[in-house]
């Protein structure tokens, strides 16, 4: 298993889909069609297993069947102590820090099945070292910038989250326990950029840090 620079290895990484307002609105029409015929009323969650973990600065080798990846720029919330059925009002007391995370995935358009093959490839969850919670005044008002080969390709802000950080902690811990060091990814902005082997991306979140990885050919 990869040893991360700060030595804190998440037991579990939980991600949430469609939590940015623009991403949700882009699919609003399709959500009302078959098979579901209505938008989701609860967070749409997924897991990034340990084989996906990678560190800042590590080169990521793309699988031979993957031409490019979607670079999902995420704020990762680090849980500081065991969290079970946490109320929103006290949720931030359980946060010990934050990471910059690249939720890499193979581009896909089918949102009706769990995207394990697309999201759970080796090295598809690079993460920065932990920034202490005290360095971040408001996690729900953070700028996120993505650059590829030095060119800015995406700017977003966590102010566009449908469910803010405290709400997500309440929703997730209502049915599963998060342990110290576990990571909650708050969502991927709409229109996330794509990158190919040979390119390098950088994700920057002021107060949290930067994450840089080069993509390699197999």
Protein backbone atom coordinates (compact mmCIF):
# COMPACT_ATOMS: atom_id res chain seq x y z
CA UNK A 1 0.00 0.00 0.00
CA UNK A 2 1.25 3.49 -0.82
CA UNK A 3 2.69 5.42 2.12
CA UNK A 4 1.40 8.99 1.97
CA UNK A 5 3.80 11.83 2.89
CA UNK A 6 2.06 12.67 6.16
CA UNK A 7 1.84 9.00 7.15
CA UNK A 8 -1.93 9.15 7.69
CA UNK A 9 -3.51 6.41 5.63
CA UNK A 10 -7.30 6.68 5.11
CA UNK A 11 -9.19 3.53 5.95
CA UNK A 12 -12.03 4.73 3.74
CA UNK A 13 -12.45 7.44 1.09
CA UNK A 14 -16.08 8.34 0.40
CA UNK A 15 -17.03 10.52 -2.57
CA UNK A 16 -20.30 12.19 -3.52
CA UNK A 17 -21.66 12.80 -7.02
CA UNK A 18 -23.77 15.71 -8.28
CA UNK A 19 -23.03 17.90 -5.29
CA UNK A 20 -22.04 20.97 -7.31
CA UNK A 21 -25.07 22.95 -8.38
CA UNK A 22 -23.94 23.24 -12.01
CA UNK A 23 -23.29 19.48 -12.31
CA UNK A 24 -26.70 18.73 -10.82
CA UNK A 25 -28.51 21.18 -13.11
CA UNK A 26 -26.78 19.78 -16.20
CA UNK A 27 -28.42 16.40 -15.55
CA UNK A 28 -31.69 17.64 -14.06
CA UNK A 29 -33.71 16.73 -17.14
CA UNK A 30 -32.24 13.24 -17.45
CA UNK A 31 -32.93 12.52 -13.78
CA UNK A 32 -36.66 12.68 -14.43
CA UNK A 33 -36.46 10.02 -17.14
CA UNK A 34 -36.35 6.25 -16.81
CA UNK A 35 -35.21 4.33 -14.90
CA UNK A 36 -35.45 6.64 -11.87
CA UNK A 37 -37.97 9.26 -13.04
CA UNK A 38 -37.02 11.67 -10.24
CA UNK A 39 -33.90 13.41 -8.92
CA UNK A 40 -32.14 11.72 -5.97
CA UNK A 41 -33.20 12.93 -2.53
CA UNK A 42 -30.09 11.63 -0.75
CA UNK A 43 -26.40 12.05 -1.62
CA UNK A 44 -25.15 9.79 -4.42
CA UNK A 45 -22.09 8.17 -2.85
CA UNK A 46 -19.19 5.99 -3.97
CA UNK A 47 -15.95 4.61 -2.52
CA UNK A 48 -12.34 5.04 -3.66
CA UNK A 49 -10.50 1.91 -2.40
CA UNK A 50 -6.88 1.78 -1.22
CA UNK A 51 -5.48 0.71 -4.60
CA UNK A 52 -6.43 4.18 -5.93
CA UNK A 53 -4.36 6.14 -3.39
CA UNK A 54 -1.44 8.16 -4.74
CA UNK A 55 0.68 11.02 -3.43
CA UNK A 56 1.44 14.55 -4.52
CA UNK A 57 4.21 14.49 -7.13
CA UNK A 58 3.76 10.82 -7.93
CA UNK A 59 3.58 9.88 -11.61
CA UNK A 60 0.32 8.11 -12.51
CA UNK A 61 0.58 5.45 -15.19
CA UNK A 62 -2.65 5.23 -17.18
CA UNK A 63 -3.98 1.76 -18.02
CA UNK A 64 -3.36 0.65 -21.59
CA UNK A 65 -7.10 0.81 -22.37
CA UNK A 66 -7.49 4.42 -21.12
CA UNK A 67 -6.76 7.27 -23.54
CA UNK A 68 -7.52 10.10 -21.11
CA UNK A 69 -8.89 10.75 -17.64
CA UNK A 70 -11.31 13.24 -16.17
CA UNK A 71 -9.55 15.28 -13.50
CA UNK A 72 -12.10 15.77 -10.74
CA UNK A 73 -10.75 18.46 -8.43
CA UNK A 74 -11.98 17.77 -4.89
CA UNK A 75 -11.74 19.17 -1.42
CA UNK A 76 -11.10 16.21 0.86
CA UNK A 77 -12.34 16.49 4.44
CA UNK A 78 -10.21 14.57 6.95
CA UNK A 79 -12.12 13.04 9.85
CA UNK A 80 -10.34 13.53 13.18
CA UNK A 81 -12.14 11.04 15.42
CA UNK A 82 -14.73 8.30 15.22
CA UNK A 83 -17.89 9.78 13.74
CA UNK A 84 -21.22 7.96 14.05
CA UNK A 85 -24.64 9.59 13.60
CA UNK A 86 -23.13 13.06 13.86
CA UNK A 87 -25.54 16.01 13.97
CA UNK A 88 -24.92 18.83 11.51
CA UNK A 89 -24.55 21.34 14.34
CA UNK A 90 -21.50 19.54 15.73
CA UNK A 91 -20.12 18.07 12.47
CA UNK A 92 -17.17 20.44 12.14
CA UNK A 93 -15.90 19.31 15.55
CA UNK A 94 -15.04 16.01 13.86
CA UNK A 95 -12.86 17.58 11.14
CA UNK A 96 -9.09 17.57 11.73
CA UNK A 97 -7.96 18.87 8.35
CA UNK A 98 -8.29 18.96 4.59
CA UNK A 99 -6.55 17.51 1.54
CA UNK A 100 -6.47 18.48 -2.12
CA UNK A 101 -7.67 15.40 -4.01
CA UNK A 102 -7.79 14.45 -7.68
CA UNK A 103 -10.75 12.14 -8.18
CA UNK A 104 -9.55 10.67 -11.47
CA UNK A 105 -11.98 8.69 -13.58
CA UNK A 106 -12.30 7.27 -17.06
CA UNK A 107 -14.77 9.54 -18.91
CA UNK A 108 -18.23 7.97 -18.96
CA UNK A 109 -21.83 9.06 -19.43
CA UNK A 110 -23.77 6.29 -17.70
CA UNK A 111 -24.78 7.51 -14.23
CA UNK A 112 -27.22 4.66 -13.59
CA UNK A 113 -24.63 2.07 -12.55
CA UNK A 114 -21.78 2.22 -10.01
CA UNK A 115 -18.72 3.38 -11.98
CA UNK A 116 -16.24 1.00 -10.31
CA UNK A 117 -14.28 0.29 -13.49
CA UNK A 118 -14.10 3.99 -14.29
CA UNK A 119 -13.22 5.37 -10.81
CA UNK A 120 -11.30 2.59 -9.08
CA UNK A 121 -8.23 2.09 -11.28
CA UNK A 122 -4.81 1.96 -9.62
CA UNK A 123 -3.59 5.44 -8.68
CA UNK A 124 -6.91 7.16 -9.40
CA UNK A 125 -7.11 9.01 -6.06
CA UNK A 126 -3.99 11.19 -5.61
CA UNK A 127 -4.09 13.37 -2.51
CA UNK A 128 -1.97 16.08 -0.95
CA UNK A 129 -0.63 16.17 2.58
CA UNK A 130 -3.12 17.26 5.25
CA UNK A 131 -3.63 20.94 5.99
CA UNK A 132 -4.80 21.42 9.60
CA UNK A 133 -8.42 22.49 9.97
CA UNK A 134 -7.36 25.75 11.63
CA UNK A 135 -5.83 26.95 8.37
CA UNK A 136 -9.21 26.89 6.61
CA UNK A 137 -11.65 29.55 7.79
CA UNK A 138 -14.64 28.32 5.77
CA UNK A 139 -14.49 25.07 3.74
CA UNK A 140 -17.73 26.05 2.01
CA UNK A 141 -16.13 29.13 0.41
CA UNK A 142 -12.90 27.84 -1.15
CA UNK A 143 -11.62 28.58 -4.65
CA UNK A 144 -10.40 25.59 -6.67
CA UNK A 145 -8.19 25.99 -9.73
CA UNK A 146 -7.11 23.26 -12.14
CA UNK A 147 -4.23 23.75 -14.57
CA UNK A 148 -2.95 21.37 -17.23
CA UNK A 149 0.60 21.89 -18.48
CA UNK A 150 0.57 25.33 -16.88
CA UNK A 151 -2.69 26.54 -18.46
CA UNK A 152 -5.72 27.19 -16.23
CA UNK A 153 -8.60 25.04 -17.47
CA UNK A 154 -11.11 25.17 -14.59
CA UNK A 155 -12.04 27.50 -11.76
CA UNK A 156 -14.68 26.55 -9.20
CA UNK A 157 -15.72 27.37 -5.66
CA UNK A 158 -17.12 25.19 -2.90
CA UNK A 159 -19.77 27.88 -2.37
CA UNK A 160 -21.63 26.08 -5.17
CA UNK A 161 -22.02 22.87 -3.16
CA UNK A 162 -25.62 21.71 -2.78
CA UNK A 163 -24.79 19.98 0.50
CA UNK A 164 -22.07 21.80 2.45
CA UNK A 165 -19.42 19.99 4.43
CA UNK A 166 -21.37 19.74 7.71
CA UNK A 167 -24.44 18.37 5.92
CA UNK A 168 -22.39 15.70 4.15
CA UNK A 169 -20.84 14.55 7.41
CA UNK A 170 -24.31 14.26 8.92
CA UNK A 171 -25.68 12.38 5.89
CA UNK A 172 -22.81 9.88 5.61
CA UNK A 173 -22.38 9.14 9.32
CA UNK A 174 -26.11 8.51 9.63
CA UNK A 175 -25.52 5.01 8.24
CA UNK A 176 -21.74 4.37 8.35
CA UNK A 177 -19.02 5.11 10.88
CA UNK A 178 -16.05 7.17 9.75
CA UNK A 179 -12.78 6.70 11.62
CA UNK A 180 -9.91 9.11 12.28
CA UNK A 181 -8.01 9.68 9.03
CA UNK A 182 -10.92 8.76 6.77
CA UNK A 183 -11.60 11.11 3.90
CA UNK A 184 -14.85 12.59 2.62
CA UNK A 185 -14.70 14.07 -0.90
CA UNK A 186 -17.25 16.88 -1.13
CA UNK A 187 -17.85 16.65 -4.88
CA UNK A 188 -16.48 17.23 -8.38
CA UNK A 189 -17.24 20.49 -10.22
CA UNK A 190 -19.15 20.44 -13.50
CA UNK A 191 -17.21 20.23 -16.78
CA UNK A 192 -14.12 18.73 -15.20
CA UNK A 193 -11.18 18.84 -17.63
CA UNK A 194 -9.66 15.82 -19.35
CA UNK A 195 -5.94 15.05 -19.43
CA UNK A 196 -3.89 12.56 -21.45
CA UNK A 197 -0.69 10.62 -20.84
CA UNK A 198 2.26 12.96 -21.16
CA UNK A 199 0.39 15.84 -19.52
CA UNK A 200 0.65 17.20 -15.99
CA UNK A 201 -2.18 18.66 -13.95
CA UNK A 202 -2.11 20.85 -10.87
CA UNK A 203 -5.02 21.43 -8.49
CA UNK A 204 -4.74 24.38 -6.11
CA UNK A 205 -7.00 25.21 -3.14
CA UNK A 206 -5.82 28.26 -1.15
CA UNK A 207 -5.25 27.43 2.49
CA UNK A 208 -5.21 23.71 1.76
CA UNK A 209 -2.38 23.31 -0.75
CA UNK A 210 -1.60 22.05 -4.22
CA UNK A 211 -1.56 18.64 -5.85
CA UNK A 212 0.51 17.92 -8.94
CA UNK A 213 0.76 14.66 -10.88
CA UNK A 214 2.11 13.75 -14.29
CA UNK A 215 0.26 11.15 -16.33
CA UNK A 216 2.40 8.51 -18.02
CA UNK A 217 1.97 6.05 -20.88
CA UNK A 218 1.84 2.38 -19.79
